[in-house]
Amino acid sequence: MNLSFRESVIWLAGYLEGEGCFHLHPTNKKKYPGLLYPKITVTATDEDVIAKVSGVTKTAYGTVKPQKKNWKPLFSCQINGPNARGWMMMIYPFMGERRQAKIKEVLAAWRD
């Protein structure tokens, strides 16, 4: 099923509401000590879902090595810097109160 861009943004917001992580991440500490950038991270065992996140956001995804032998493979997509900031602002209206507060916190800290 092909979704419109708006529908894809709404789908992404719903998925990240439950599974996403919004945070500030340090840059290269040697080059830019103390500098942080916004980051969205999502990890799951379903590659098709992470591939969809990757497709919507136009970012790469990769495999994460399971911590134990009997665990399923994990797939992760990370959205960084200005791209993450843009996505945070785009999905903000569709998020719940707790996620909206976290996005506000990340963007405010990044601006400072």
PDB file of N, CA and C in Angstrom:
ATOM      1  N   MET A   1       0.847  -1.181   0.000  1.00  0.00           N
ATOM      2  CA  MET A   1       0.000   0.000   0.000  1.00  0.00           C
ATOM      3  C   MET A   1       0.892   1.243   0.000  1.00  0.00           C
ATOM      4  N   ASN A   2       0.622   2.135  -0.911  1.00  0.00           N
ATOM      5  CA  ASN A   2       1.364   3.392  -0.980  1.00  0.00           C
ATOM      6  C   ASN A   2       0.634   4.461  -0.187  1.00  0.00           C
ATOM      7  N   LEU A   3       1.350   5.080   0.735  1.00  0.00           N
ATOM      8  CA  LEU A   3       0.781   6.146   1.549  1.00  0.00           C
ATOM      9  C   LEU A   3       1.212   7.493   0.999  1.00  0.00           C
ATOM     10  N   SER A   4       0.369   8.496   1.197  1.00  0.00           N
ATOM     11  CA  SER A   4       0.780   9.861   0.862  1.00  0.00           C
ATOM     12  C   SER A   4       1.857  10.291   1.854  1.00  0.00           C
ATOM     13  N   PHE A   5       2.530  11.393   1.557  1.00  0.00           N
ATOM     14  CA  PHE A   5       3.554  11.879   2.478  1.00  0.00           C
ATOM     15  C   PHE A   5       2.940  12.181   3.844  1.00  0.00           C
ATOM     16  N   ARG A   6       1.787  12.843   3.868  1.00  0.00           N
ATOM     17  CA  ARG A   6       1.112  13.163   5.132  1.00  0.00           C
ATOM     18  C   ARG A   6       0.780  11.892   5.913  1.00  0.00           C
ATOM     19  N   GLU A   7       0.259  10.890   5.230  1.00  0.00           N
ATOM     20  CA  GLU A   7      -0.067   9.625   5.898  1.00  0.00           C
ATOM     21  C   GLU A   7       1.199   8.955   6.430  1.00  0.00           C
ATOM     22  N   SER A   8       2.293   9.061   5.675  1.00  0.00           N
ATOM     23  CA  SER A   8       3.563   8.485   6.129  1.00  0.00           C
ATOM     24  C   SER A   8       4.076   9.188   7.375  1.00  0.00           C
ATOM     25  N   VAL A   9       3.923  10.513   7.429  1.00  0.00           N
ATOM     26  CA  VAL A   9       4.345  11.279   8.616  1.00  0.00           C
ATOM     27  C   VAL A   9       3.503  10.861   9.818  1.00  0.00           C
ATOM     28  N   ILE A  10       2.207  10.717   9.621  1.00  0.00           N
ATOM     29  CA  ILE A  10       1.322  10.302  10.720  1.00  0.00           C
ATOM     30  C   ILE A  10       1.668   8.888  11.166  1.00  0.00           C
ATOM     31  N   TRP A  11       1.927   7.977  10.216  1.00  0.00           N
ATOM     32  CA  TRP A  11       2.322   6.619  10.572  1.00  0.00           C
ATOM     33  C   TRP A  11       3.620   6.652  11.395  1.00  0.00           C
ATOM     34  N   LEU A  12       4.602   7.434  10.916  1.00  0.00           N
ATOM     35  CA  LEU A  12       5.883   7.542  11.622  1.00  0.00           C
ATOM     36  C   LEU A  12       5.687   8.069  13.034  1.00  0.00           C
ATOM     37  N   ALA A  13       4.868   9.102  13.176  1.00  0.00           N
ATOM     38  CA  ALA A  13       4.600   9.665  14.512  1.00  0.00           C
ATOM     39  C   ALA A  13       4.025   8.588  15.432  1.00  0.00           C
ATOM     40  N   GLY A  14       3.075   7.823  14.931  1.00  0.00           N
ATOM     41  CA  GLY A  14       2.474   6.765  15.745  1.00  0.00           C
ATOM     42  C   GLY A  14       3.490   5.713  16.146  1.00  0.00           C
ATOM     43  N   TYR A  15       4.335   5.329  15.201  1.00  0.00           N
ATOM     44  CA  TYR A  15       5.339   4.319  15.511  1.00  0.00           C
ATOM     45  C   TYR A  15       6.363   4.844  16.520  1.00  0.00           C
ATOM     46  N   LEU A  16       6.838   6.072  16.297  1.00  0.00           N
ATOM     47  CA  LEU A  16       7.825   6.644  17.210  1.00  0.00           C
ATOM     48  C   LEU A  16       7.230   6.962  18.581  1.00  0.00           C
ATOM     49  N   GLU A  17       5.930   7.204  18.631  1.00  0.00           N
ATOM     50  CA  GLU A  17       5.259   7.422  19.929  1.00  0.00           C
ATOM     51  C   GLU A  17       5.494   6.217  20.838  1.00  0.00           C
ATOM     52  N   GLY A  18       5.435   5.040  20.252  1.00  0.00           N
ATOM     53  CA  GLY A  18       5.593   3.830  21.056  1.00  0.00           C
ATOM     54  C   GLY A  18       7.009   3.293  21.114  1.00  0.00           C
ATOM     55  N   GLU A  19       7.771   3.465  20.056  1.00  0.00           N
ATOM     56  CA  GLU A  19       9.063   2.788  19.955  1.00  0.00           C
ATOM     57  C   GLU A  19      10.277   3.707  19.821  1.00  0.00           C
ATOM     58  N   GLY A  20      10.067   4.985  19.577  1.00  0.00           N
ATOM     59  CA  GLY A  20      11.186   5.882  19.310  1.00  0.00           C
ATOM     60  C   GLY A  20      11.831   6.441  20.560  1.00  0.00           C
ATOM     61  N   CYS A  21      13.044   6.922  20.384  1.00  0.00           N
ATOM     62  CA  CYS A  21      13.785   7.584  21.452  1.00  0.00           C
ATOM     63  C   CYS A  21      14.263   8.933  20.922  1.00  0.00           C
ATOM     64  N   PHE A  22      13.938  10.004  21.632  1.00  0.00           N
ATOM     65  CA  PHE A  22      14.315  11.364  21.251  1.00  0.00           C
ATOM     66  C   PHE A  22      15.342  11.851  22.269  1.00  0.00           C
ATOM     67  N   HIS A  23      16.525  12.218  21.795  1.00  0.00           N
ATOM     68  CA  HIS A  23      17.557  12.621  22.744  1.00  0.00           C
ATOM     69  C   HIS A  23      18.603  13.501  22.078  1.00  0.00           C
ATOM     70  N   LEU A  24      19.498  14.046  22.919  1.00  0.00           N
ATOM     71  CA  LEU A  24      20.659  14.780  22.437  1.00  0.00           C
ATOM     72  C   LEU A  24      21.846  13.835  22.473  1.00  0.00           C
ATOM     73  N   HIS A  25      22.683  13.918  21.459  1.00  0.00           N
ATOM     74  CA  HIS A  25      23.815  13.017  21.350  1.00  0.00           C
ATOM     75  C   HIS A  25      25.087  13.851  21.174  1.00  0.00           C
ATOM     76  N   PRO A  26      26.173  13.480  21.827  1.00  0.00           N
ATOM     77  CA  PRO A  26      27.417  14.257  21.668  1.00  0.00           C
ATOM     78  C   PRO A  26      28.020  14.060  20.275  1.00  0.00           C
ATOM     79  N   THR A  27      28.589  15.121  19.746  1.00  0.00           N
ATOM     80  CA  THR A  27      29.311  15.035  18.483  1.00  0.00           C
ATOM     81  C   THR A  27      30.689  14.449  18.739  1.00  0.00           C
ATOM     82  N   ASN A  28      31.531  14.469  17.745  1.00  0.00           N
ATOM     83  CA  ASN A  28      32.912  14.022  17.886  1.00  0.00           C
ATOM     84  C   ASN A  28      33.558  14.825  19.020  1.00  0.00           C
ATOM     85  N   LYS A  29      33.871  14.167  20.103  1.00  0.00           N
ATOM     86  CA  LYS A  29      34.354  14.852  21.309  1.00  0.00           C
ATOM     87  C   LYS A  29      35.694  15.553  21.104  1.00  0.00           C
ATOM     88  N   LYS A  30      36.538  15.018  20.235  1.00  0.00           N
ATOM     89  CA  LYS A  30      37.848  15.644  20.007  1.00  0.00           C
ATOM     90  C   LYS A  30      37.709  16.918  19.179  1.00  0.00           C
ATOM     91  N   LYS A  31      36.887  16.855  18.137  1.00  0.00           N
ATOM     92  CA  LYS A  31      36.713  18.018  17.260  1.00  0.00           C
ATOM     93  C   LYS A  31      35.827  19.093  17.878  1.00  0.00           C
ATOM     94  N   TYR A  32      34.726  18.652  18.490  1.00  0.00           N
ATOM     95  CA  TYR A  32      33.720  19.593  19.004  1.00  0.00           C
ATOM     96  C   TYR A  32      33.341  19.238  20.437  1.00  0.00           C
ATOM     97  N   PRO A  33      34.213  19.442  21.390  1.00  0.00           N
ATOM     98  CA  PRO A  33      33.899  19.051  22.775  1.00  0.00           C
ATOM     99  C   PRO A  33      32.680  19.790  23.307  1.00  0.00           C
ATOM    100  N   GLY A  34      31.776  19.042  23.917  1.00  0.00           N
ATOM    101  CA  GLY A  34      30.598  19.629  24.548  1.00  0.00           C
ATOM    102  C   GLY A  34      29.447  19.930  23.609  1.00  0.00           C
ATOM    103  N   LEU A  35      29.634  19.740  22.298  1.00  0.00           N
ATOM    104  CA  LEU A  35      28.571  20.031  21.338  1.00  0.00           C
ATOM    105  C   LEU A  35      27.637  18.832  21.225  1.00  0.00           C
ATOM    106  N   LEU A  36      26.343  19.092  21.285  1.00  0.00           N
ATOM    107  CA  LEU A  36      25.330  18.037  21.196  1.00  0.00           C
ATOM    108  C   LEU A  36      24.444  18.278  19.979  1.00  0.00           C
ATOM    109  N   TYR A  37      23.871  17.198  19.444  1.00  0.00           N
ATOM    110  CA  TYR A  37      22.927  17.343  18.341  1.00  0.00           C
ATOM    111  C   TYR A  37      21.700  16.467  18.604  1.00  0.00           C
ATOM    112  N   PRO A  38      20.532  16.869  18.062  1.00  0.00           N
ATOM    113  CA  PRO A  38      19.318  16.082  18.257  1.00  0.00           C
ATOM    114  C   PRO A  38      19.408  14.759  17.500  1.00  0.00           C
ATOM    115  N   LYS A  39      18.782  13.739  18.087  1.00  0.00           N
ATOM    116  CA  LYS A  39      18.827  12.410  17.490  1.00  0.00           C
ATOM    117  C   LYS A  39      17.532  11.668  17.780  1.00  0.00           C
ATOM    118  N   ILE A  40      17.051  10.945  16.787  1.00  0.00           N
ATOM    119  CA  ILE A  40      15.918  10.030  16.951  1.00  0.00           C
ATOM    120  C   ILE A  40      16.461   8.640  16.664  1.00  0.00           C
ATOM    121  N   THR A  41      16.200   7.719  17.569  1.00  0.00           N
ATOM    122  CA  THR A  41      16.652   6.344  17.386  1.00  0.00           C
ATOM    123  C   THR A  41      15.455   5.417  17.548  1.00  0.00           C
ATOM    124  N   VAL A  42      15.380   4.425  16.687  1.00  0.00           N
ATOM    125  CA  VAL A  42      14.353   3.397  16.828  1.00  0.00           C
ATOM    126  C   VAL A  42      14.987   2.057  16.465  1.00  0.00           C
ATOM    127  N   THR A  43      14.732   1.053  17.296  1.00  0.00           N
ATOM    128  CA  THR A  43      15.293  -0.281  17.113  1.00  0.00           C
ATOM    129  C   THR A  43      14.173  -1.297  17.272  1.00  0.00           C
ATOM    130  N   ALA A  44      14.182  -2.324  16.415  1.00  0.00           N
ATOM    131  CA  ALA A  44      13.135  -3.357  16.485  1.00  0.00           C
ATOM    132  C   ALA A  44      13.648  -4.650  15.873  1.00  0.00           C
ATOM    133  N   THR A  45      12.928  -5.727  16.120  1.00  0.00           N
ATOM    134  CA  THR A  45      13.282  -7.018  15.521  1.00  0.00           C
ATOM    135  C   THR A  45      12.635  -7.191  14.152  1.00  0.00           C
ATOM    136  N   ASP A  46      11.707  -6.340  13.800  1.00  0.00           N
ATOM    137  CA  ASP A  46      11.022  -6.432  12.505  1.00  0.00           C
ATOM    138  C   ASP A  46      11.721  -5.544  11.471  1.00  0.00           C
ATOM    139  N   GLU A  47      12.468  -6.182  10.578  1.00  0.00           N
ATOM    140  CA  GLU A  47      13.220  -5.411   9.599  1.00  0.00           C
ATOM    141  C   GLU A  47      12.308  -4.611   8.678  1.00  0.00           C
ATOM    142  N   ASP A  48      11.158  -5.167   8.324  1.00  0.00           N
ATOM    143  CA  ASP A  48      10.263  -4.448   7.413  1.00  0.00           C
ATOM    144  C   ASP A  48       9.788  -3.125   7.999  1.00  0.00           C
ATOM    145  N   VAL A  49       9.571  -3.082   9.297  1.00  0.00           N
ATOM    146  CA  VAL A  49       9.110  -1.853   9.940  1.00  0.00           C
ATOM    147  C   VAL A  49      10.240  -0.823   9.979  1.00  0.00           C
ATOM    148  N   ILE A  50      11.443  -1.268  10.327  1.00  0.00           N
ATOM    149  CA  ILE A  50      12.586  -0.349  10.352  1.00  0.00           C
ATOM    150  C   ILE A  50      12.904   0.120   8.935  1.00  0.00           C
ATOM    151  N   ALA A  51      12.756  -0.752   7.950  1.00  0.00           N
ATOM    152  CA  ALA A  51      12.959  -0.350   6.555  1.00  0.00           C
ATOM    153  C   ALA A  51      11.939   0.715   6.157  1.00  0.00           C
ATOM    154  N   LYS A  52      10.719   0.613   6.674  1.00  0.00           N
ATOM    155  CA  LYS A  52       9.694   1.620   6.376  1.00  0.00           C
ATOM    156  C   LYS A  52      10.068   2.962   7.014  1.00  0.00           C
ATOM    157  N   VAL A  53      10.546   2.938   8.262  1.00  0.00           N
ATOM    158  CA  VAL A  53      11.024   4.166   8.921  1.00  0.00           C
ATOM    159  C   VAL A  53      12.140   4.778   8.077  1.00  0.00           C
ATOM    160  N   SER A  54      13.067   3.942   7.643  1.00  0.00           N
ATOM    161  CA  SER A  54      14.184   4.383   6.826  1.00  0.00           C
ATOM    162  C   SER A  54      13.702   5.008   5.519  1.00  0.00           C
ATOM    163  N   GLY A  55      12.714   4.396   4.898  1.00  0.00           N
ATOM    164  CA  GLY A  55      12.177   4.910   3.645  1.00  0.00           C
ATOM    165  C   GLY A  55      11.465   6.238   3.809  1.00  0.00           C
ATOM    166  N   VAL A  56      10.672   6.354   4.855  1.00  0.00           N
ATOM    167  CA  VAL A  56       9.932   7.598   5.108  1.00  0.00           C
ATOM    168  C   VAL A  56      10.898   8.740   5.398  1.00  0.00           C
ATOM    169  N   THR A  57      11.908   8.468   6.215  1.00  0.00           N
ATOM    170  CA  THR A  57      12.833   9.527   6.654  1.00  0.00           C
ATOM    171  C   THR A  57      14.028   9.707   5.722  1.00  0.00           C
ATOM    172  N   LYS A  58      14.156   8.838   4.738  1.00  0.00           N
ATOM    173  CA  LYS A  58      15.281   8.893   3.784  1.00  0.00           C
ATOM    174  C   LYS A  58      16.630   8.778   4.503  1.00  0.00           C
ATOM    175  N   THR A  59      16.682   7.876   5.482  1.00  0.00           N
ATOM    176  CA  THR A  59      17.915   7.597   6.218  1.00  0.00           C
ATOM    177  C   THR A  59      18.229   6.113   6.118  1.00  0.00           C
ATOM    178  N   ALA A  60      19.470   5.755   6.360  1.00  0.00           N
ATOM    179  CA  ALA A  60      19.887   4.353   6.307  1.00  0.00           C
ATOM    180  C   ALA A  60      19.491   3.640   7.597  1.00  0.00           C
ATOM    181  N   TYR A  61      19.409   2.330   7.520  1.00  0.00           N
ATOM    182  CA  TYR A  61      19.230   1.531   8.726  1.00  0.00           C
ATOM    183  C   TYR A  61      20.233   0.394   8.688  1.00  0.00           C
ATOM    184  N   GLY A  62      20.463  -0.197   9.849  1.00  0.00           N
ATOM    185  CA  GLY A  62      21.440  -1.268   9.913  1.00  0.00           C
ATOM    186  C   GLY A  62      21.061  -2.319  10.933  1.00  0.00           C
ATOM    187  N   THR A  63      21.893  -3.337  11.009  1.00  0.00           N
ATOM    188  CA  THR A  63      21.690  -4.442  11.941  1.00  0.00           C
ATOM    189  C   THR A  63      22.469  -4.162  13.217  1.00  0.00           C
ATOM    190  N   VAL A  64      21.854  -4.483  14.328  1.00  0.00           N
ATOM    191  CA  VAL A  64      22.498  -4.365  15.634  1.00  0.00           C
ATOM    192  C   VAL A  64      22.740  -5.785  16.131  1.00  0.00           C
ATOM    193  N   LYS A  65      23.949  -6.061  16.562  1.00  0.00           N
ATOM    194  CA  LYS A  65      24.281  -7.403  17.054  1.00  0.00           C
ATOM    195  C   LYS A  65      23.498  -7.691  18.334  1.00  0.00           C
ATOM    196  N   PRO A  66      22.756  -8.801  18.364  1.00  0.00           N
ATOM    197  CA  PRO A  66      22.037  -9.163  19.596  1.00  0.00           C
ATOM    198  C   PRO A  66      23.005  -9.378  20.757  1.00  0.00           C
ATOM    199  N   GLN A  67      22.557  -9.025  21.951  1.00  0.00           N
ATOM    200  CA  GLN A  67      23.425  -9.149  23.119  1.00  0.00           C
ATOM    201  C   GLN A  67      23.576 -10.594  23.590  1.00  0.00           C
ATOM    202  N   LYS A  68      22.632 -11.454  23.218  1.00  0.00           N
ATOM    203  CA  LYS A  68      22.710 -12.864  23.596  1.00  0.00           C
ATOM    204  C   LYS A  68      22.520 -13.720  22.350  1.00  0.00           C
ATOM    205  N   LYS A  69      23.101 -14.919  22.350  1.00  0.00           N
ATOM    206  CA  LYS A  69      23.057 -15.806  21.184  1.00  0.00           C
ATOM    207  C   LYS A  69      21.637 -16.146  20.740  1.00  0.00           C
ATOM    208  N   ASN A  70      20.745 -16.380  21.665  1.00  0.00           N
ATOM    209  CA  ASN A  70      19.396 -16.836  21.309  1.00  0.00           C
ATOM    210  C   ASN A  70      18.425 -15.683  21.002  1.00  0.00           C
ATOM    211  N   TRP A  71      18.895 -14.447  21.024  1.00  0.00           N
ATOM    212  CA  TRP A  71      18.035 -13.301  20.719  1.00  0.00           C
ATOM    213  C   TRP A  71      17.909 -13.124  19.209  1.00  0.00           C
ATOM    214  N   LYS A  72      16.784 -12.583  18.797  1.00  0.00           N
ATOM    215  CA  LYS A  72      16.559 -12.282  17.384  1.00  0.00           C
ATOM    216  C   LYS A  72      17.478 -11.150  16.944  1.00  0.00           C
ATOM    217  N   PRO A  73      17.759 -11.079  15.638  1.00  0.00           N
ATOM    218  CA  PRO A  73      18.524  -9.931  15.139  1.00  0.00           C
ATOM    219  C   PRO A  73      17.722  -8.644  15.354  1.00  0.00           C
ATOM    220  N   LEU A  74      18.431  -7.550  15.578  1.00  0.00           N
ATOM    221  CA  LEU A  74      17.808  -6.243  15.756  1.00  0.00           C
ATOM    222  C   LEU A  74      18.175  -5.343  14.589  1.00  0.00           C
ATOM    223  N   PHE A  75      17.261  -4.443  14.260  1.00  0.00           N
ATOM    224  CA  PHE A  75      17.488  -3.473  13.197  1.00  0.00           C
ATOM    225  C   PHE A  75      17.258  -2.091  13.782  1.00  0.00           C
ATOM    226  N   SER A  76      18.098  -1.145  13.377  1.00  0.00           N
ATOM    227  CA  SER A  76      18.032   0.185  13.968  1.00  0.00           C
ATOM    228  C   SER A  76      18.126   1.252  12.889  1.00  0.00           C
ATOM    229  N   CYS A  77      17.376   2.326  13.108  1.00  0.00           N
ATOM    230  CA  CYS A  77      17.431   3.495  12.240  1.00  0.00           C
ATOM    231  C   CYS A  77      17.680   4.705  13.133  1.00  0.00           C
ATOM    232  N   GLN A  78      18.634   5.538  12.725  1.00  0.00           N
ATOM    233  CA  GLN A  78      18.968   6.733  13.496  1.00  0.00           C
ATOM    234  C   GLN A  78      18.854   7.950  12.587  1.00  0.00           C
ATOM    235  N   ILE A  79      18.193   8.963  13.090  1.00  0.00           N
ATOM    236  CA  ILE A  79      18.022  10.216  12.364  1.00  0.00           C
ATOM    237  C   ILE A  79      18.761  11.267  13.176  1.00  0.00           C
ATOM    238  N   ASN A  80      19.710  11.952  12.549  1.00  0.00           N
ATOM    239  CA  ASN A  80      20.630  12.821  13.286  1.00  0.00           C
ATOM    240  C   ASN A  80      20.577  14.279  12.859  1.00  0.00           C
ATOM    241  N   GLY A  81      20.973  15.146  13.791  1.00  0.00           N
ATOM    242  CA  GLY A  81      21.217  16.557  13.506  1.00  0.00           C
ATOM    243  C   GLY A  81      20.025  17.313  12.959  1.00  0.00           C
ATOM    244  N   PRO A  82      20.252  18.149  11.946  1.00  0.00           N
ATOM    245  CA  PRO A  82      19.172  18.966  11.386  1.00  0.00           C
ATOM    246  C   PRO A  82      18.015  18.114  10.855  1.00  0.00           C
ATOM    247  N   ASN A  83      18.347  16.931  10.313  1.00  0.00           N
ATOM    248  CA  ASN A  83      17.308  16.030   9.825  1.00  0.00           C
ATOM    249  C   ASN A  83      16.400  15.581  10.975  1.00  0.00           C
ATOM    250  N   ALA A  84      16.994  15.227  12.114  1.00  0.00           N
ATOM    251  CA  ALA A  84      16.208  14.830  13.294  1.00  0.00           C
ATOM    252  C   ALA A  84      15.364  15.995  13.795  1.00  0.00           C
ATOM    253  N   ARG A  85      15.966  17.164  13.813  1.00  0.00           N
ATOM    254  CA  ARG A  85      15.231  18.360  14.248  1.00  0.00           C
ATOM    255  C   ARG A  85      14.004  18.573  13.362  1.00  0.00           C
ATOM    256  N   GLY A  86      14.184  18.465  12.069  1.00  0.00           N
ATOM    257  CA  GLY A  86      13.072  18.633  11.137  1.00  0.00           C
ATOM    258  C   GLY A  86      11.973  17.616  11.361  1.00  0.00           C
ATOM    259  N   TRP A  87      12.358  16.364  11.548  1.00  0.00           N
ATOM    260  CA  TRP A  87      11.354  15.319  11.797  1.00  0.00           C
ATOM    261  C   TRP A  87      10.655  15.528  13.137  1.00  0.00           C
ATOM    262  N   MET A  88      11.398  15.949  14.146  1.00  0.00           N
ATOM    263  CA  MET A  88      10.768  16.209  15.449  1.00  0.00           C
ATOM    264  C   MET A  88       9.700  17.288  15.313  1.00  0.00           C
ATOM    265  N   MET A  89      10.005  18.337  14.560  1.00  0.00           N
ATOM    266  CA  MET A  89       9.031  19.417  14.392  1.00  0.00           C
ATOM    267  C   MET A  89       7.843  18.963  13.544  1.00  0.00           C
ATOM    268  N   MET A  90       8.100  18.092  12.561  1.00  0.00           N
ATOM    269  CA  MET A  90       7.030  17.635  11.683  1.00  0.00           C
ATOM    270  C   MET A  90       6.048  16.696  12.399  1.00  0.00           C
ATOM    271  N   ILE A  91       6.563  15.810  13.248  1.00  0.00           N
ATOM    272  CA  ILE A  91       5.680  14.842  13.908  1.00  0.00           C
ATOM    273  C   ILE A  91       5.101  15.373  15.219  1.00  0.00           C
ATOM    274  N   TYR A  92       5.642  16.475  15.718  1.00  0.00           N
ATOM    275  CA  TYR A  92       5.241  17.036  17.014  1.00  0.00           C
ATOM    276  C   TYR A  92       3.723  17.108  17.218  1.00  0.00           C
ATOM    277  N   PRO A  93       2.938  17.638  16.258  1.00  0.00           N
ATOM    278  CA  PRO A  93       1.493  17.777  16.505  1.00  0.00           C
ATOM    279  C   PRO A  93       0.763  16.450  16.696  1.00  0.00           C
ATOM    280  N   PHE A  94       1.368  15.356  16.249  1.00  0.00           N
ATOM    281  CA  PHE A  94       0.717  14.053  16.320  1.00  0.00           C
ATOM    282  C   PHE A  94       1.127  13.247  17.549  1.00  0.00           C
ATOM    283  N   MET A  95       2.023  13.785  18.353  1.00  0.00           N
ATOM    284  CA  MET A  95       2.564  13.053  19.499  1.00  0.00           C
ATOM    285  C   MET A  95       1.746  13.309  20.757  1.00  0.00           C
ATOM    286  N   GLY A  96       1.858  12.382  21.711  1.00  0.00           N
ATOM    287  CA  GLY A  96       1.231  12.554  23.012  1.00  0.00           C
ATOM    288  C   GLY A  96       1.989  13.579  23.847  1.00  0.00           C
ATOM    289  N   GLU A  97       1.429  13.927  24.982  1.00  0.00           N
ATOM    290  CA  GLU A  97       2.010  14.966  25.838  1.00  0.00           C
ATOM    291  C   GLU A  97       3.441  14.670  26.273  1.00  0.00           C
ATOM    292  N   ARG A  98       3.701  13.424  26.664  1.00  0.00           N
ATOM    293  CA  ARG A  98       5.035  13.071  27.159  1.00  0.00           C
ATOM    294  C   ARG A  98       6.082  13.200  26.051  1.00  0.00           C
ATOM    295  N   ARG A  99       5.766  12.710  24.865  1.00  0.00           N
ATOM    296  CA  ARG A  99       6.712  12.808  23.744  1.00  0.00           C
ATOM    297  C   ARG A  99       6.868  14.260  23.284  1.00  0.00           C
ATOM    298  N   GLN A 100       5.783  15.027  23.289  1.00  0.00           N
ATOM    299  CA  GLN A 100       5.893  16.444  22.938  1.00  0.00           C
ATOM    300  C   GLN A 100       6.828  17.156  23.913  1.00  0.00           C
ATOM    301  N   ALA A 101       6.692  16.848  25.201  1.00  0.00           N
ATOM    302  CA  ALA A 101       7.557  17.475  26.205  1.00  0.00           C
ATOM    303  C   ALA A 101       9.017  17.099  25.959  1.00  0.00           C
ATOM    304  N   LYS A 102       9.279  15.847  25.607  1.00  0.00           N
ATOM    305  CA  LYS A 102      10.655  15.404  25.351  1.00  0.00           C
ATOM    306  C   LYS A 102      11.215  16.105  24.116  1.00  0.00           C
ATOM    307  N   ILE A 103      10.416  16.207  23.071  1.00  0.00           N
ATOM    308  CA  ILE A 103      10.867  16.894  21.854  1.00  0.00           C
ATOM    309  C   ILE A 103      11.175  18.354  22.171  1.00  0.00           C
ATOM    310  N   LYS A 104      10.307  19.020  22.924  1.00  0.00           N
ATOM    311  CA  LYS A 104      10.554  20.413  23.327  1.00  0.00           C
ATOM    312  C   LYS A 104      11.867  20.518  24.099  1.00  0.00           C
ATOM    313  N   GLU A 105      12.079  19.597  25.020  1.00  0.00           N
ATOM    314  CA  GLU A 105      13.295  19.594  25.847  1.00  0.00           C
ATOM    315  C   GLU A 105      14.548  19.428  24.980  1.00  0.00           C
ATOM    316  N   VAL A 106      14.521  18.486  24.052  1.00  0.00           N
ATOM    317  CA  VAL A 106      15.675  18.238  23.180  1.00  0.00           C
ATOM    318  C   VAL A 106      15.959  19.452  22.316  1.00  0.00           C
ATOM    319  N   LEU A 107      14.910  20.020  21.700  1.00  0.00           N
ATOM    320  CA  LEU A 107      15.124  21.165  20.805  1.00  0.00           C
ATOM    321  C   LEU A 107      15.563  22.401  21.572  1.00  0.00           C
ATOM    322  N   ALA A 108      15.028  22.620  22.759  1.00  0.00           N
ATOM    323  CA  ALA A 108      15.433  23.770  23.562  1.00  0.00           C
ATOM    324  C   ALA A 108      16.893  23.646  24.001  1.00  0.00           C
ATOM    325  N   ALA A 109      17.290  22.458  24.440  1.00  0.00           N
ATOM    326  CA  ALA A 109      18.674  22.231  24.863  1.00  0.00           C
ATOM    327  C   ALA A 109      19.631  22.363  23.684  1.00  0.00           C
ATOM    328  N   TRP A 110      19.207  21.896  22.515  1.00  0.00           N
ATOM    329  CA  TRP A 110      20.044  21.991  21.322  1.00  0.00           C
ATOM    330  C   TRP A 110      20.238  23.448  20.907  1.00  0.00           C
ATOM    331  N   ARG A 111      19.203  24.254  21.008  1.00  0.00           N
ATOM    332  CA  ARG A 111      19.307  25.680  20.655  1.00  0.00           C
ATOM    333  C   ARG A 111      20.283  26.410  21.565  1.00  0.00           C
ATOM    334  N   ASP A 112      20.311  26.014  22.836  1.00  0.00           N
ATOM    335  CA  ASP A 112      21.203  26.667  23.807  1.00  0.00           C
ATOM    336  C   ASP A 112      22.603  26.222  23.541  1.00  0.00           C
TER     337      ASP A 112
END
